[in-house]
N, C-alpha and C. Protein backbone atom coordinates (compact mmCIF):
# COMPACT_ATOMS: atom_id res chain seq x y z
N MET A 1 19.30 -21.70 194.56
CA MET A 1 20.39 -22.30 195.32
C MET A 1 20.90 -21.28 196.30
N SER A 2 21.51 -21.73 197.31
CA SER A 2 22.00 -20.86 198.37
C SER A 2 23.38 -20.32 198.05
N THR A 3 23.77 -19.30 198.79
CA THR A 3 25.12 -18.77 198.67
C THR A 3 26.03 -19.56 199.58
N SER A 4 27.31 -19.26 199.54
CA SER A 4 28.28 -20.04 200.31
C SER A 4 28.10 -19.88 201.82
N GLY A 5 27.37 -18.88 202.28
CA GLY A 5 27.17 -18.69 203.70
C GLY A 5 26.12 -19.60 204.31
N ASP A 6 25.26 -20.18 203.49
CA ASP A 6 24.18 -21.04 203.98
C ASP A 6 24.72 -22.44 204.26
N PRO A 7 24.64 -22.92 205.52
CA PRO A 7 25.19 -24.24 205.82
C PRO A 7 24.38 -25.39 205.26
N HIS A 8 23.12 -25.15 204.87
CA HIS A 8 22.26 -26.21 204.36
C HIS A 8 21.62 -25.77 203.04
N PRO A 9 22.30 -26.02 201.91
CA PRO A 9 21.71 -25.62 200.64
C PRO A 9 20.43 -26.40 200.36
N THR A 10 19.50 -25.76 199.69
CA THR A 10 18.25 -26.43 199.37
C THR A 10 18.45 -27.37 198.19
N PRO A 11 17.79 -28.54 198.21
CA PRO A 11 17.94 -29.46 197.09
C PRO A 11 17.33 -28.86 195.83
N GLY A 12 17.91 -29.20 194.72
CA GLY A 12 17.42 -28.67 193.45
C GLY A 12 18.05 -29.45 192.31
N GLU A 13 18.47 -28.72 191.32
CA GLU A 13 19.10 -29.33 190.16
C GLU A 13 20.44 -29.96 190.54
N PRO A 14 20.86 -31.01 189.82
CA PRO A 14 22.17 -31.59 190.10
C PRO A 14 23.30 -30.63 189.71
N ALA A 15 24.44 -30.83 190.32
CA ALA A 15 25.61 -29.99 190.05
C ALA A 15 26.05 -30.14 188.60
N VAL A 16 26.57 -29.05 188.03
CA VAL A 16 27.05 -29.09 186.65
C VAL A 16 28.57 -29.04 186.57
N ALA A 17 29.23 -28.59 187.63
CA ALA A 17 30.69 -28.53 187.64
C ALA A 17 31.19 -28.51 189.08
N VAL A 18 32.43 -28.94 189.24
CA VAL A 18 33.05 -28.94 190.56
C VAL A 18 34.53 -28.62 190.40
N ASP A 19 35.08 -27.95 191.40
CA ASP A 19 36.50 -27.64 191.39
C ASP A 19 36.98 -27.59 192.83
N THR A 20 38.27 -27.79 193.02
CA THR A 20 38.87 -27.65 194.34
C THR A 20 39.92 -26.56 194.28
N LEU A 21 40.08 -25.86 195.39
CA LEU A 21 41.05 -24.78 195.50
C LEU A 21 41.98 -25.06 196.66
N VAL A 22 43.25 -24.73 196.49
CA VAL A 22 44.25 -24.85 197.56
C VAL A 22 44.86 -23.48 197.76
N SER A 23 44.84 -23.00 199.00
CA SER A 23 45.42 -21.70 199.30
C SER A 23 46.09 -21.74 200.68
N GLU A 24 46.98 -20.79 200.91
CA GLU A 24 47.69 -20.72 202.19
C GLU A 24 47.02 -19.71 203.10
N ASP A 25 46.90 -20.06 204.37
CA ASP A 25 46.32 -19.16 205.36
C ASP A 25 47.03 -19.37 206.69
N ARG A 26 47.77 -18.37 207.12
CA ARG A 26 48.50 -18.41 208.39
C ARG A 26 49.37 -19.65 208.55
N GLY A 27 50.11 -19.99 207.50
CA GLY A 27 51.04 -21.10 207.57
C GLY A 27 50.43 -22.47 207.37
N ARG A 28 49.12 -22.55 207.15
CA ARG A 28 48.44 -23.81 206.89
C ARG A 28 47.90 -23.77 205.46
N TRP A 29 47.73 -24.92 204.86
CA TRP A 29 47.22 -25.01 203.49
C TRP A 29 45.77 -25.46 203.54
N ILE A 30 44.90 -24.66 202.94
CA ILE A 30 43.45 -24.84 203.01
C ILE A 30 42.95 -25.48 201.71
N VAL A 31 42.07 -26.48 201.83
CA VAL A 31 41.41 -27.08 200.67
C VAL A 31 39.94 -26.68 200.72
N GLU A 32 39.45 -26.13 199.61
CA GLU A 32 38.05 -25.76 199.49
C GLU A 32 37.47 -26.43 198.25
N ILE A 33 36.18 -26.69 198.29
CA ILE A 33 35.49 -27.23 197.12
C ILE A 33 34.49 -26.19 196.64
N VAL A 34 34.40 -26.04 195.33
CA VAL A 34 33.45 -25.13 194.70
C VAL A 34 32.56 -25.97 193.80
N VAL A 35 31.26 -25.94 194.06
CA VAL A 35 30.30 -26.71 193.27
C VAL A 35 29.36 -25.73 192.57
N VAL A 36 29.24 -25.89 191.25
CA VAL A 36 28.40 -25.01 190.44
C VAL A 36 27.10 -25.72 190.12
N PHE A 37 25.99 -25.07 190.45
CA PHE A 37 24.66 -25.55 190.13
C PHE A 37 24.04 -24.61 189.10
N PRO A 38 22.99 -25.04 188.41
CA PRO A 38 22.37 -24.14 187.43
C PRO A 38 21.90 -22.82 188.04
N ASP A 39 21.57 -22.82 189.32
CA ASP A 39 21.04 -21.60 189.93
C ASP A 39 21.95 -20.99 191.00
N GLY A 40 23.22 -21.39 191.04
CA GLY A 40 24.12 -20.78 192.01
C GLY A 40 25.40 -21.57 192.22
N VAL A 41 26.24 -21.04 193.08
CA VAL A 41 27.53 -21.64 193.38
C VAL A 41 27.65 -21.81 194.89
N VAL A 42 28.19 -22.97 195.30
CA VAL A 42 28.43 -23.24 196.72
C VAL A 42 29.92 -23.47 196.91
N ARG A 43 30.50 -22.79 197.88
CA ARG A 43 31.92 -22.93 198.18
C ARG A 43 32.06 -23.31 199.65
N ARG A 44 32.79 -24.40 199.92
CA ARG A 44 32.95 -24.89 201.28
C ARG A 44 34.42 -25.21 201.57
N ARG A 45 34.83 -24.91 202.77
CA ARG A 45 36.16 -25.29 203.23
C ARG A 45 36.11 -26.76 203.64
N ILE A 46 37.06 -27.55 203.15
CA ILE A 46 37.11 -28.97 203.47
C ILE A 46 37.96 -29.20 204.72
N ASN A 47 39.22 -28.76 204.68
CA ASN A 47 40.12 -28.97 205.81
C ASN A 47 41.38 -28.14 205.58
N ASP A 48 42.26 -28.12 206.59
CA ASP A 48 43.56 -27.49 206.43
C ASP A 48 44.65 -28.53 206.68
N TYR A 49 45.82 -28.31 206.08
CA TYR A 49 46.92 -29.27 206.11
C TYR A 49 48.23 -28.54 206.39
N PRO A 50 49.21 -29.26 206.95
CA PRO A 50 50.47 -28.60 207.30
C PRO A 50 51.35 -28.27 206.10
N THR A 51 51.21 -29.01 205.00
CA THR A 51 52.04 -28.75 203.82
C THR A 51 51.18 -28.62 202.57
N GLU A 52 51.73 -27.92 201.59
CA GLU A 52 51.02 -27.77 200.32
C GLU A 52 50.84 -29.12 199.64
N ARG A 53 51.84 -29.97 199.75
CA ARG A 53 51.76 -31.30 199.13
C ARG A 53 50.57 -32.09 199.68
N HIS A 54 50.42 -32.11 201.00
CA HIS A 54 49.29 -32.82 201.60
C HIS A 54 47.96 -32.23 201.14
N ALA A 55 47.90 -30.91 201.08
CA ALA A 55 46.66 -30.25 200.66
C ALA A 55 46.32 -30.59 199.21
N ARG A 56 47.31 -30.60 198.33
CA ARG A 56 47.06 -30.92 196.92
C ARG A 56 46.63 -32.37 196.74
N ILE A 57 47.20 -33.27 197.51
CA ILE A 57 46.78 -34.68 197.46
C ILE A 57 45.32 -34.80 197.90
N ALA A 58 44.98 -34.17 199.02
CA ALA A 58 43.60 -34.21 199.52
C ALA A 58 42.64 -33.57 198.53
N ALA A 59 43.04 -32.45 197.93
CA ALA A 59 42.18 -31.78 196.95
C ALA A 59 41.91 -32.69 195.76
N GLY A 60 42.91 -33.44 195.34
CA GLY A 60 42.72 -34.38 194.23
C GLY A 60 41.72 -35.47 194.57
N TRP A 61 41.80 -35.98 195.79
CA TRP A 61 40.85 -37.02 196.22
C TRP A 61 39.43 -36.47 196.27
N VAL A 62 39.29 -35.27 196.82
CA VAL A 62 37.96 -34.65 196.92
C VAL A 62 37.40 -34.42 195.52
N ARG A 63 38.24 -33.91 194.64
CA ARG A 63 37.81 -33.63 193.26
C ARG A 63 37.39 -34.91 192.54
N GLN A 64 38.18 -35.98 192.66
CA GLN A 64 37.83 -37.25 192.01
C GLN A 64 36.50 -37.77 192.53
N SER A 65 36.29 -37.69 193.82
CA SER A 65 35.05 -38.16 194.40
C SER A 65 33.86 -37.33 193.91
N ALA A 66 34.02 -36.03 193.89
CA ALA A 66 32.93 -35.15 193.46
C ALA A 66 32.64 -35.32 191.97
N ASP A 67 33.67 -35.55 191.16
CA ASP A 67 33.48 -35.73 189.72
C ASP A 67 32.61 -36.94 189.42
N ARG A 68 32.63 -37.94 190.27
CA ARG A 68 31.81 -39.14 190.05
C ARG A 68 30.32 -38.81 190.09
N ASN A 69 29.96 -37.75 190.80
CA ASN A 69 28.55 -37.40 190.95
C ASN A 69 28.06 -36.37 189.94
N ILE A 70 28.95 -35.89 189.08
CA ILE A 70 28.56 -34.92 188.06
C ILE A 70 28.01 -35.67 186.86
N GLU A 71 26.82 -35.28 186.42
CA GLU A 71 26.22 -35.93 185.26
C GLU A 71 26.74 -35.29 183.97
N GLY A 72 26.74 -36.06 182.91
CA GLY A 72 27.15 -35.54 181.61
C GLY A 72 28.63 -35.75 181.36
N PRO A 73 29.13 -35.28 180.21
CA PRO A 73 30.53 -35.47 179.87
C PRO A 73 31.45 -34.64 180.77
N LEU A 74 32.59 -35.22 181.12
CA LEU A 74 33.57 -34.51 181.93
C LEU A 74 34.50 -33.74 181.02
N ASN A 75 34.86 -32.55 181.44
CA ASN A 75 35.78 -31.72 180.67
C ASN A 75 37.16 -31.78 181.29
N GLY A 76 37.99 -32.67 180.78
CA GLY A 76 39.37 -32.77 181.22
C GLY A 76 39.49 -33.22 182.58
């Protein structure tokens, strides 16, 4: 699997876990997604938002959508 710098990860095993991160950068709130594969981790910036509340709402939507594609039992 590719590192987070590769814009086009190679297809391989399905993802085993996903998480979203919210952080502040220069007064904007950034949402990132982290996807764990058996052979590596991919981290991508999704978007930035004017408030933390907007970013957390968006992160929740991204996480719910990504969780639908994870095979196997979900952990919490």
